[in-house]
Amino acid sequence: MTDYIDGYKQYLSEERHASANTLSSYLRDVRQFLAYLQSVGTRSVLQAAASDIEEYMRWMTGRGKSAATVTRSVASLKSYYHYLVLEGRLKKNPVQDVTPLKVKRHLPQILTGKEVELFLEQPQCVDAKGYRDHAMLELLYATGIRVSELIALDVSDLNLSAGIIHCAGKSKERVIPLYPAAIKALRDYVEEIRPSMIAAPDETALFVNMNGERMSRQGFWKIIKYYQQKAQIDKDITPHTLRHSFAAHLLENGADLRSIQEMLGHADISSTQIYANLISQKLKDVYNKAHPRAI
């Protein structure tokens, strides 16, 4: 069983090119399922049927796990069993016959245009940290990329003369345009600030911490929270908030869903559809508040 896990880990990393977070999440979900099978002592992983996985779903729900957590775990198991089929260990993926739980999708929180402007104004370009932070926040809102993608960017991924970045996301590389303010912020940082910040001449990371090494997720999270507090914005701003705001604002201003899907790197259009639902709900709220007969 350990060999299956080791092989699956190699498959995710080398063939699926899974991110570190995806790798950790999938392996954790699979190991929890294997531990469950061992605890109930009914079947081995190769003998488990759809009914066993559905029983596992009920077991998780009975222990207070949310529908989203259960659904994510089933998705991990589907991937794991797909690997076992590819390896010839099984003839059929038992998860194919499992009915997923219905997950209530919560509409994401976004910033208004004024709140975005206020937030982006917070880093003061008076020192290296200010220039770097200003460039990071402008880039995040300009492109809607994920935090993992932001901190993984290398200098070579930038093409400022063309006004684009190359982003290697979860599924495929995509090219995303930049607006002029973001281009200027990045050029100022890359040409004037970054050379004196990097710890080693061969450092490839676009954004580095104050020790001159590649920025971490935790470090960027702290930066976001610092500027939220400084801007005195009551909404809970996370790195994903700017991604959501990017998509919603594009849609509000006439961009089509397919183009937004491409820029966000969504594999499925249904993931992008949530922003249309968000705009629809926003219009309903405006209507109910403003129409004289909407009582």
C-alpha atoms as a PDB file:
ATOM      1  CA  MET A   1       0.000   0.000   0.000  1.00  0.00           C
ATOM      2  CA  THR A   2       2.930   2.276   0.700  1.00  0.00           C
ATOM      3  CA  ASP A   3       4.215   1.567  -2.803  1.00  0.00           C
ATOM      4  CA  TYR A   4       0.896   2.759  -4.246  1.00  0.00           C
ATOM      5  CA  ILE A   5       1.169   6.031  -2.344  1.00  0.00           C
ATOM      6  CA  ASP A   6       4.768   6.572  -3.373  1.00  0.00           C
ATOM      7  CA  GLY A   7       3.914   5.861  -6.996  1.00  0.00           C
ATOM      8  CA  TYR A   8       0.858   8.121  -6.845  1.00  0.00           C
ATOM      9  CA  LYS A   9       2.962  10.928  -5.399  1.00  0.00           C
ATOM     10  CA  GLN A  10       5.439  10.559  -8.261  1.00  0.00           C
ATOM     11  CA  TYR A  11       2.564  10.481 -10.783  1.00  0.00           C
ATOM     12  CA  LEU A  12       1.061  13.719  -9.419  1.00  0.00           C
ATOM     13  CA  SER A  13       4.408  15.472  -9.339  1.00  0.00           C
ATOM     14  CA  GLU A  14       6.001  14.329 -12.584  1.00  0.00           C
ATOM     15  CA  GLU A  15       3.069  13.616 -14.887  1.00  0.00           C
ATOM     16  CA  ARG A  16       0.304  15.873 -13.609  1.00  0.00           C
ATOM     17  CA  HIS A  17       2.729  18.660 -12.542  1.00  0.00           C
ATOM     18  CA  ALA A  18       0.630  19.252  -9.429  1.00  0.00           C
ATOM     19  CA  SER A  19       1.494  22.209  -7.214  1.00  0.00           C
ATOM     20  CA  ALA A  20       2.902  21.583  -3.748  1.00  0.00           C
ATOM     21  CA  ASN A  21      -0.453  22.468  -2.178  1.00  0.00           C
ATOM     22  CA  THR A  22      -2.408  20.140  -4.480  1.00  0.00           C
ATOM     23  CA  LEU A  23       0.075  17.349  -3.857  1.00  0.00           C
ATOM     24  CA  SER A  24      -0.195  17.758  -0.095  1.00  0.00           C
ATOM     25  CA  SER A  25      -4.005  17.944  -0.174  1.00  0.00           C
ATOM     26  CA  TYR A  26      -4.501  14.882  -2.399  1.00  0.00           C
ATOM     27  CA  LEU A  27      -2.061  12.730  -0.451  1.00  0.00           C
ATOM     28  CA  ARG A  28      -3.644  13.742   2.850  1.00  0.00           C
ATOM     29  CA  ASP A  29      -7.135  12.843   1.602  1.00  0.00           C
ATOM     30  CA  VAL A  30      -5.985   9.479   0.260  1.00  0.00           C
ATOM     31  CA  ARG A  31      -4.100   8.587   3.438  1.00  0.00           C
ATOM     32  CA  GLN A  32      -7.178   9.424   5.519  1.00  0.00           C
ATOM     33  CA  PHE A  33      -9.268   7.086   3.366  1.00  0.00           C
ATOM     34  CA  LEU A  34      -6.686   4.307   3.673  1.00  0.00           C
ATOM     35  CA  ALA A  35      -6.684   4.764   7.444  1.00  0.00           C
ATOM     36  CA  TYR A  36     -10.491   4.551   7.415  1.00  0.00           C
ATOM     37  CA  LEU A  37     -10.420   1.291   5.426  1.00  0.00           C
ATOM     38  CA  GLN A  38      -7.935  -0.133   7.884  1.00  0.00           C
ATOM     39  CA  SER A  39     -10.037   0.937  10.874  1.00  0.00           C
ATOM     40  CA  VAL A  40     -13.251  -0.688   9.596  1.00  0.00           C
ATOM     41  CA  GLY A  41     -11.332  -3.709   8.333  1.00  0.00           C
ATOM     42  CA  THR A  42     -13.700  -4.594   5.517  1.00  0.00           C
ATOM     43  CA  ARG A  43     -11.829  -4.272   2.226  1.00  0.00           C
ATOM     44  CA  SER A  44      -8.432  -3.341   0.927  1.00  0.00           C
ATOM     45  CA  VAL A  45      -7.934  -0.280  -1.267  1.00  0.00           C
ATOM     46  CA  LEU A  46      -8.037  -2.471  -4.384  1.00  0.00           C
ATOM     47  CA  GLN A  47     -11.238  -4.194  -3.270  1.00  0.00           C
ATOM     48  CA  ALA A  48     -13.157  -1.058  -2.300  1.00  0.00           C
ATOM     49  CA  ALA A  49     -16.347  -0.480  -4.272  1.00  0.00           C
ATOM     50  CA  ALA A  50     -18.494   2.600  -4.810  1.00  0.00           C
ATOM     51  CA  SER A  51     -20.606   1.553  -1.810  1.00  0.00           C
ATOM     52  CA  ASP A  52     -17.527   1.648   0.442  1.00  0.00           C
ATOM     53  CA  ILE A  53     -16.657   5.152  -0.720  1.00  0.00           C
ATOM     54  CA  GLU A  54     -20.252   6.302  -0.188  1.00  0.00           C
ATOM     55  CA  GLU A  55     -20.124   4.802   3.312  1.00  0.00           C
ATOM     56  CA  TYR A  56     -16.893   6.735   3.884  1.00  0.00           C
ATOM     57  CA  MET A  57     -18.675   9.920   2.779  1.00  0.00           C
ATOM     58  CA  ARG A  58     -21.445   9.276   5.321  1.00  0.00           C
ATOM     59  CA  TRP A  59     -18.800   8.563   7.966  1.00  0.00           C
ATOM     60  CA  MET A  60     -17.102  11.902   7.267  1.00  0.00           C
ATOM     61  CA  THR A  61     -20.409  13.786   7.303  1.00  0.00           C
ATOM     62  CA  GLY A  62     -21.317  12.161  10.618  1.00  0.00           C
ATOM     63  CA  ARG A  63     -18.146  13.597  12.087  1.00  0.00           C
ATOM     64  CA  GLY A  64     -19.049  17.122  11.126  1.00  0.00           C
ATOM     65  CA  LYS A  65     -17.129  17.427   7.872  1.00  0.00           C
ATOM     66  CA  SER A  66     -18.639  19.969   5.487  1.00  0.00           C
ATOM     67  CA  ALA A  67     -20.044  19.007   2.094  1.00  0.00           C
ATOM     68  CA  ALA A  68     -17.167  20.898   0.467  1.00  0.00           C
ATOM     69  CA  THR A  69     -14.585  18.879   2.437  1.00  0.00           C
ATOM     70  CA  VAL A  70     -16.279  15.580   1.611  1.00  0.00           C
ATOM     71  CA  THR A  71     -16.532  16.520  -2.074  1.00  0.00           C
ATOM     72  CA  ARG A  72     -12.876  17.515  -2.203  1.00  0.00           C
ATOM     73  CA  SER A  73     -11.900  14.214  -0.585  1.00  0.00           C
ATOM     74  CA  VAL A  74     -13.914  12.251  -3.158  1.00  0.00           C
ATOM     75  CA  ALA A  75     -12.198  14.201  -5.939  1.00  0.00           C
ATOM     76  CA  SER A  76      -8.834  13.191  -4.455  1.00  0.00           C
ATOM     77  CA  LEU A  77      -9.920   9.542  -4.346  1.00  0.00           C
ATOM     78  CA  LYS A  78     -11.127   9.741  -7.940  1.00  0.00           C
ATOM     79  CA  SER A  79      -7.671  10.922  -8.972  1.00  0.00           C
ATOM     80  CA  TYR A  80      -5.996   8.212  -6.889  1.00  0.00           C
ATOM     81  CA  TYR A  81      -8.087   5.408  -8.353  1.00  0.00           C
ATOM     82  CA  HIS A  82      -7.532   6.820 -11.836  1.00  0.00           C
ATOM     83  CA  TYR A  83      -3.824   6.365 -11.192  1.00  0.00           C
ATOM     84  CA  LEU A  84      -4.374   2.762 -10.043  1.00  0.00           C
ATOM     85  CA  VAL A  85      -6.301   2.049 -13.253  1.00  0.00           C
ATOM     86  CA  LEU A  86      -3.499   3.549 -15.339  1.00  0.00           C
ATOM     87  CA  GLU A  87      -1.027   1.335 -13.494  1.00  0.00           C
ATOM     88  CA  GLY A  88      -3.087  -1.760 -14.265  1.00  0.00           C
ATOM     89  CA  ARG A  89      -3.928  -2.397 -10.599  1.00  0.00           C
ATOM     90  CA  LEU A  90      -7.651  -2.053 -11.314  1.00  0.00           C
ATOM     91  CA  LYS A  91      -9.871  -2.342 -14.355  1.00  0.00           C
ATOM     92  CA  LYS A  92     -12.401   0.280 -13.267  1.00  0.00           C
ATOM     93  CA  ASN A  93     -12.379   3.416 -11.130  1.00  0.00           C
ATOM     94  CA  PRO A  94     -14.956   2.782  -8.356  1.00  0.00           C
ATOM     95  CA  VAL A  95     -15.402   6.505  -7.745  1.00  0.00           C
ATOM     96  CA  GLN A  96     -16.988   6.851 -11.192  1.00  0.00           C
ATOM     97  CA  ASP A  97     -20.210   5.397  -9.757  1.00  0.00           C
ATOM     98  CA  VAL A  98     -20.258   7.615  -6.645  1.00  0.00           C
ATOM     99  CA  THR A  99     -22.872  10.378  -6.451  1.00  0.00           C
ATOM    100  CA  PRO A 100     -21.185  13.540  -5.123  1.00  0.00           C
ATOM    101  CA  LEU A 101     -22.751  15.641  -2.385  1.00  0.00           C
ATOM    102  CA  LYS A 102     -24.358  18.887  -3.404  1.00  0.00           C
ATOM    103  CA  VAL A 103     -22.178  21.759  -2.274  1.00  0.00           C
ATOM    104  CA  LYS A 104     -23.727  25.125  -1.647  1.00  0.00           C
ATOM    105  CA  ARG A 105     -21.484  27.619  -3.361  1.00  0.00           C
ATOM    106  CA  HIS A 106     -21.025  30.861  -1.498  1.00  0.00           C
ATOM    107  CA  LEU A 107     -20.590  33.951  -3.603  1.00  0.00           C
ATOM    108  CA  PRO A 108     -17.103  35.387  -3.124  1.00  0.00           C
ATOM    109  CA  GLN A 109     -16.587  38.740  -1.462  1.00  0.00           C
ATOM    110  CA  ILE A 110     -15.192  41.424  -3.734  1.00  0.00           C
ATOM    111  CA  LEU A 111     -13.925  44.949  -3.279  1.00  0.00           C
ATOM    112  CA  THR A 112     -15.589  47.931  -4.889  1.00  0.00           C
ATOM    113  CA  GLY A 113     -13.622  49.978  -7.382  1.00  0.00           C
ATOM    114  CA  LYS A 114     -12.982  52.653  -4.733  1.00  0.00           C
ATOM    115  CA  GLU A 115     -11.826  50.052  -2.210  1.00  0.00           C
ATOM    116  CA  VAL A 116      -9.392  48.605  -4.742  1.00  0.00           C
ATOM    117  CA  GLU A 117      -7.972  52.074  -5.421  1.00  0.00           C
ATOM    118  CA  LEU A 118      -7.611  52.712  -1.683  1.00  0.00           C
ATOM    119  CA  PHE A 119      -5.945  49.352  -1.137  1.00  0.00           C
ATOM    120  CA  LEU A 120      -3.483  49.747  -4.014  1.00  0.00           C
ATOM    121  CA  GLU A 121      -2.511  53.211  -2.778  1.00  0.00           C
ATOM    122  CA  GLN A 122      -1.259  51.899   0.587  1.00  0.00           C
ATOM    123  CA  PRO A 123       2.310  50.844  -0.297  1.00  0.00           C
ATOM    124  CA  GLN A 124       4.419  53.990  -0.328  1.00  0.00           C
ATOM    125  CA  CYS A 125       7.196  54.009  -2.914  1.00  0.00           C
ATOM    126  CA  VAL A 126       9.795  55.513  -0.605  1.00  0.00           C
ATOM    127  CA  ASP A 127      11.890  52.395   0.060  1.00  0.00           C
ATOM    128  CA  ALA A 128      12.559  48.935  -1.386  1.00  0.00           C
ATOM    129  CA  LYS A 129       9.687  47.292   0.479  1.00  0.00           C
ATOM    130  CA  GLY A 130       7.222  49.912  -0.698  1.00  0.00           C
ATOM    131  CA  TYR A 131       8.226  49.577  -4.353  1.00  0.00           C
ATOM    132  CA  ARG A 132       8.084  45.775  -4.154  1.00  0.00           C
ATOM    133  CA  ASP A 133       4.706  45.680  -2.401  1.00  0.00           C
ATOM    134  CA  HIS A 134       3.226  48.218  -4.806  1.00  0.00           C
ATOM    135  CA  ALA A 135       4.355  46.115  -7.772  1.00  0.00           C
ATOM    136  CA  MET A 136       2.977  42.896  -6.245  1.00  0.00           C
ATOM    137  CA  LEU A 137      -0.470  44.318  -5.488  1.00  0.00           C
ATOM    138  CA  GLU A 138      -0.763  46.011  -8.887  1.00  0.00           C
ATOM    139  CA  LEU A 139       0.222  42.767 -10.611  1.00  0.00           C
ATOM    140  CA  LEU A 140      -2.254  40.715  -8.585  1.00  0.00           C
ATOM    141  CA  TYR A 141      -5.188  42.978  -9.445  1.00  0.00           C
ATOM    142  CA  ALA A 142      -4.035  43.461 -13.044  1.00  0.00           C
ATOM    143  CA  THR A 143      -3.961  39.739 -13.787  1.00  0.00           C
ATOM    144  CA  GLY A 144      -6.102  37.899 -11.239  1.00  0.00           C
ATOM    145  CA  ILE A 145      -3.438  35.227 -10.823  1.00  0.00           C
ATOM    146  CA  ARG A 146      -3.332  32.969  -7.762  1.00  0.00           C
ATOM    147  CA  VAL A 147      -0.920  33.681  -4.919  1.00  0.00           C
ATOM    148  CA  SER A 148       0.944  30.429  -5.643  1.00  0.00           C
ATOM    149  CA  GLU A 149       1.383  31.665  -9.223  1.00  0.00           C
ATOM    150  CA  LEU A 150       2.480  35.129  -8.089  1.00  0.00           C
ATOM    151  CA  ILE A 151       5.277  33.911  -5.839  1.00  0.00           C
ATOM    152  CA  ALA A 152       6.354  31.323  -8.443  1.00  0.00           C
ATOM    153  CA  LEU A 153       6.942  33.999 -11.100  1.00  0.00           C
ATOM    154  CA  ASP A 154      10.478  34.451 -12.370  1.00  0.00           C
ATOM    155  CA  VAL A 155      11.847  37.632 -13.916  1.00  0.00           C
ATOM    156  CA  SER A 156      11.884  35.817 -17.254  1.00  0.00           C
ATOM    157  CA  ASP A 157       8.078  35.478 -17.081  1.00  0.00           C
ATOM    158  CA  LEU A 158       7.747  39.243 -17.530  1.00  0.00           C
ATOM    159  CA  ASN A 159       7.609  40.918 -20.923  1.00  0.00           C
ATOM    160  CA  LEU A 160       7.143  44.557 -20.047  1.00  0.00           C
ATOM    161  CA  SER A 161       7.749  45.851 -23.552  1.00  0.00           C
ATOM    162  CA  ALA A 162       4.818  43.727 -24.751  1.00  0.00           C
ATOM    163  CA  GLY A 163       2.818  44.428 -21.587  1.00  0.00           C
ATOM    164  CA  ILE A 164       2.234  40.767 -20.677  1.00  0.00           C
ATOM    165  CA  ILE A 165       3.197  38.064 -18.186  1.00  0.00           C
ATOM    166  CA  HIS A 166       3.566  34.344 -18.788  1.00  0.00           C
ATOM    167  CA  CYS A 167       1.961  32.364 -15.986  1.00  0.00           C
ATOM    168  CA  ALA A 168       2.385  28.601 -15.558  1.00  0.00           C
ATOM    169  CA  GLY A 169      -0.852  27.728 -13.748  1.00  0.00           C
ATOM    170  CA  LYS A 170      -2.474  24.492 -12.610  1.00  0.00           C
ATOM    171  CA  SER A 171      -3.270  23.121 -16.039  1.00  0.00           C
ATOM    172  CA  LYS A 172      -1.495  25.125 -18.718  1.00  0.00           C
ATOM    173  CA  GLU A 173       0.606  28.203 -19.306  1.00  0.00           C
ATOM    174  CA  ARG A 174      -1.336  31.327 -20.081  1.00  0.00           C
ATOM    175  CA  VAL A 175      -0.475  34.830 -21.246  1.00  0.00           C
ATOM    176  CA  ILE A 176      -2.156  37.708 -19.418  1.00  0.00           C
ATOM    177  CA  PRO A 177      -2.042  41.405 -20.381  1.00  0.00           C
ATOM    178  CA  LEU A 178      -1.054  44.163 -17.965  1.00  0.00           C
ATOM    179  CA  TYR A 179      -2.500  47.648 -17.655  1.00  0.00           C
ATOM    180  CA  PRO A 180      -0.095  50.661 -17.832  1.00  0.00           C
ATOM    181  CA  ALA A 181       0.025  51.350 -14.074  1.00  0.00           C
ATOM    182  CA  ALA A 182       1.026  47.756 -13.397  1.00  0.00           C
ATOM    183  CA  ILE A 183       3.697  47.887 -16.110  1.00  0.00           C
ATOM    184  CA  LYS A 184       5.181  51.044 -14.585  1.00  0.00           C
ATOM    185  CA  ALA A 185       5.133  49.591 -11.054  1.00  0.00           C
ATOM    186  CA  LEU A 186       6.845  46.424 -12.244  1.00  0.00           C
ATOM    187  CA  ARG A 187       9.430  48.288 -14.321  1.00  0.00           C
ATOM    188  CA  ASP A 188      10.334  50.548 -11.377  1.00  0.00           C
ATOM    189  CA  TYR A 189      10.726  47.513  -9.121  1.00  0.00           C
ATOM    190  CA  VAL A 190      12.597  45.267 -11.547  1.00  0.00           C
ATOM    191  CA  GLU A 191      14.988  47.888 -12.879  1.00  0.00           C
ATOM    192  CA  GLU A 192      15.588  50.078  -9.832  1.00  0.00           C
ATOM    193  CA  ILE A 193      14.851  48.029  -6.707  1.00  0.00           C
ATOM    194  CA  ARG A 194      15.153  44.283  -7.213  1.00  0.00           C
ATOM    195  CA  PRO A 195      18.877  44.256  -8.151  1.00  0.00           C
ATOM    196  CA  SER A 196      19.770  45.564  -4.683  1.00  0.00           C
ATOM    197  CA  MET A 197      17.323  43.243  -2.895  1.00  0.00           C
ATOM    198  CA  ILE A 198      18.324  39.822  -4.235  1.00  0.00           C
ATOM    199  CA  ALA A 199      20.653  37.735  -2.078  1.00  0.00           C
ATOM    200  CA  ALA A 200      22.459  36.115  -5.019  1.00  0.00           C
ATOM    201  CA  PRO A 201      23.111  37.326  -8.585  1.00  0.00           C
ATOM    202  CA  ASP A 202      21.576  34.140 -10.025  1.00  0.00           C
ATOM    203  CA  GLU A 203      18.273  34.530  -8.128  1.00  0.00           C
ATOM    204  CA  THR A 204      15.444  33.986 -10.632  1.00  0.00           C
ATOM    205  CA  ALA A 205      12.448  34.880  -8.452  1.00  0.00           C
ATOM    206  CA  LEU A 206      10.589  38.002  -9.496  1.00  0.00           C
ATOM    207  CA  PHE A 207       9.504  38.871  -5.962  1.00  0.00           C
ATOM    208  CA  VAL A 208      11.884  38.363  -3.062  1.00  0.00           C
ATOM    209  CA  ASN A 209      11.576  38.926   0.669  1.00  0.00           C
ATOM    210  CA  MET A 210      13.763  41.260   2.670  1.00  0.00           C
ATOM    211  CA  ASN A 211      16.384  38.497   2.910  1.00  0.00           C
ATOM    212  CA  GLY A 212      16.659  38.491  -0.856  1.00  0.00           C
ATOM    213  CA  GLU A 213      15.051  35.071  -1.356  1.00  0.00           C
ATOM    214  CA  ARG A 214      11.812  34.042  -3.067  1.00  0.00           C
ATOM    215  CA  MET A 215       8.684  35.377  -1.371  1.00  0.00           C
ATOM    216  CA  SER A 216       6.618  32.789   0.542  1.00  0.00           C
ATOM    217  CA  ARG A 217       2.832  32.428   0.749  1.00  0.00           C
ATOM    218  CA  GLN A 218       2.943  33.247   4.453  1.00  0.00           C
ATOM    219  CA  GLY A 219       5.030  36.345   3.828  1.00  0.00           C
ATOM    220  CA  PHE A 220       2.631  37.606   1.175  1.00  0.00           C
ATOM    221  CA  TRP A 221      -0.381  36.899   3.411  1.00  0.00           C
ATOM    222  CA  LYS A 222       1.108  39.136   6.106  1.00  0.00           C
ATOM    223  CA  ILE A 223       1.635  41.894   3.534  1.00  0.00           C
ATOM    224  CA  ILE A 224      -2.033  41.735   2.480  1.00  0.00           C
ATOM    225  CA  LYS A 225      -3.235  41.898   6.073  1.00  0.00           C
ATOM    226  CA  TYR A 226      -0.901  44.790   6.869  1.00  0.00           C
ATOM    227  CA  TYR A 227      -2.250  46.937   4.043  1.00  0.00           C
ATOM    228  CA  GLN A 228      -5.868  45.982   4.790  1.00  0.00           C
ATOM    229  CA  GLN A 229      -5.395  47.321   8.309  1.00  0.00           C
ATOM    230  CA  LYS A 230      -3.600  50.399   7.041  1.00  0.00           C
ATOM    231  CA  ALA A 231      -6.399  51.138   4.544  1.00  0.00           C
ATOM    232  CA  GLN A 232      -9.011  50.587   7.284  1.00  0.00           C
ATOM    233  CA  ILE A 233     -11.182  48.468   4.964  1.00  0.00           C
ATOM    234  CA  ASP A 234     -13.709  46.492   6.997  1.00  0.00           C
ATOM    235  CA  LYS A 235     -13.973  43.591   4.547  1.00  0.00           C
ATOM    236  CA  ASP A 236     -11.746  40.582   5.177  1.00  0.00           C
ATOM    237  CA  ILE A 237      -9.199  40.890   2.377  1.00  0.00           C
ATOM    238  CA  THR A 238      -7.274  37.788   1.402  1.00  0.00           C
ATOM    239  CA  PRO A 239      -4.957  37.284  -1.569  1.00  0.00           C
ATOM    240  CA  HIS A 240      -7.907  35.659  -3.358  1.00  0.00           C
ATOM    241  CA  THR A 241     -10.063  38.767  -2.817  1.00  0.00           C
ATOM    242  CA  LEU A 242      -8.136  40.652  -5.491  1.00  0.00           C
ATOM    243  CA  ARG A 243      -8.518  37.665  -7.846  1.00  0.00           C
ATOM    244  CA  HIS A 244     -12.285  37.686  -7.292  1.00  0.00           C
ATOM    245  CA  SER A 245     -12.428  41.463  -7.687  1.00  0.00           C
ATOM    246  CA  PHE A 246     -10.409  41.290 -10.912  1.00  0.00           C
ATOM    247  CA  ALA A 247     -12.894  38.833 -12.447  1.00  0.00           C
ATOM    248  CA  ALA A 248     -16.044  40.574 -11.220  1.00  0.00           C
ATOM    249  CA  HIS A 249     -14.888  44.020 -12.355  1.00  0.00           C
ATOM    250  CA  LEU A 250     -13.985  42.715 -15.815  1.00  0.00           C
ATOM    251  CA  LEU A 251     -17.418  41.119 -16.121  1.00  0.00           C
ATOM    252  CA  GLU A 252     -19.128  44.291 -14.917  1.00  0.00           C
ATOM    253  CA  ASN A 253     -17.356  46.246 -17.625  1.00  0.00           C
ATOM    254  CA  GLY A 254     -18.314  43.991 -20.498  1.00  0.00           C
ATOM    255  CA  ALA A 255     -15.719  41.205 -20.657  1.00  0.00           C
ATOM    256  CA  ASP A 256     -17.073  37.813 -21.722  1.00  0.00           C
ATOM    257  CA  LEU A 257     -16.914  34.744 -19.484  1.00  0.00           C
ATOM    258  CA  ARG A 258     -14.680  32.748 -21.842  1.00  0.00           C
ATOM    259  CA  SER A 259     -11.999  35.445 -21.843  1.00  0.00           C
ATOM    260  CA  ILE A 260     -12.140  35.694 -18.050  1.00  0.00           C
ATOM    261  CA  GLN A 261     -11.956  31.890 -17.799  1.00  0.00           C
ATOM    262  CA  GLU A 262      -8.803  31.942 -19.924  1.00  0.00           C
ATOM    263  CA  MET A 263      -7.140  34.655 -17.846  1.00  0.00           C
ATOM    264  CA  LEU A 264      -8.039  33.000 -14.538  1.00  0.00           C
ATOM    265  CA  GLY A 265      -6.869  29.606 -15.753  1.00  0.00           C
ATOM    266  CA  HIS A 266     -10.135  27.839 -14.913  1.00  0.00           C
ATOM    267  CA  ALA A 267     -10.376  24.397 -16.487  1.00  0.00           C
ATOM    268  CA  ASP A 268     -14.182  24.497 -16.326  1.00  0.00           C
ATOM    269  CA  ILE A 269     -16.413  27.432 -17.286  1.00  0.00           C
ATOM    270  CA  SER A 270     -18.668  26.611 -14.313  1.00  0.00           C
ATOM    271  CA  SER A 271     -15.931  27.922 -12.006  1.00  0.00           C
ATOM    272  CA  THR A 272     -16.062  31.253 -13.830  1.00  0.00           C
ATOM    273  CA  GLN A 273     -19.880  31.302 -13.906  1.00  0.00           C
ATOM    274  CA  ILE A 274     -19.935  32.160 -10.205  1.00  0.00           C
ATOM    275  CA  TYR A 275     -18.897  35.727 -11.092  1.00  0.00           C
ATOM    276  CA  ALA A 276     -21.927  36.086 -13.349  1.00  0.00           C
ATOM    277  CA  ASN A 277     -24.051  34.942 -10.411  1.00  0.00           C
ATOM    278  CA  LEU A 278     -22.315  37.516  -8.237  1.00  0.00           C
ATOM    279  CA  ILE A 279     -23.077  40.345 -10.663  1.00  0.00           C
ATOM    280  CA  SER A 280     -26.674  39.133 -11.000  1.00  0.00           C
ATOM    281  CA  GLN A 281     -27.119  39.168  -7.222  1.00  0.00           C
ATOM    282  CA  LYS A 282     -25.562  42.625  -7.017  1.00  0.00           C
ATOM    283  CA  LEU A 283     -28.043  43.942  -9.598  1.00  0.00           C
ATOM    284  CA  LYS A 284     -30.919  42.406  -7.658  1.00  0.00           C
ATOM    285  CA  ASP A 285     -29.739  44.085  -4.464  1.00  0.00           C
ATOM    286  CA  VAL A 286     -29.509  47.460  -6.235  1.00  0.00           C
ATOM    287  CA  TYR A 287     -32.990  46.952  -7.721  1.00  0.00           C
ATOM    288  CA  ASN A 288     -34.552  45.997  -4.385  1.00  0.00           C
ATOM    289  CA  LYS A 289     -33.016  49.012  -2.675  1.00  0.00           C
ATOM    290  CA  ALA A 290     -33.719  51.564  -5.396  1.00  0.00           C
ATOM    291  CA  HIS A 291     -36.977  50.640  -7.128  1.00  0.00           C
ATOM    292  CA  PRO A 292     -39.926  52.484  -5.544  1.00  0.00           C
ATOM    293  CA  ARG A 293     -42.185  49.431  -5.776  1.00  0.00           C
ATOM    294  CA  ALA A 294     -39.612  46.847  -4.668  1.00  0.00           C
ATOM    295  CA  ILE A 295     -40.874  46.608  -1.107  1.00  0.00           C
END
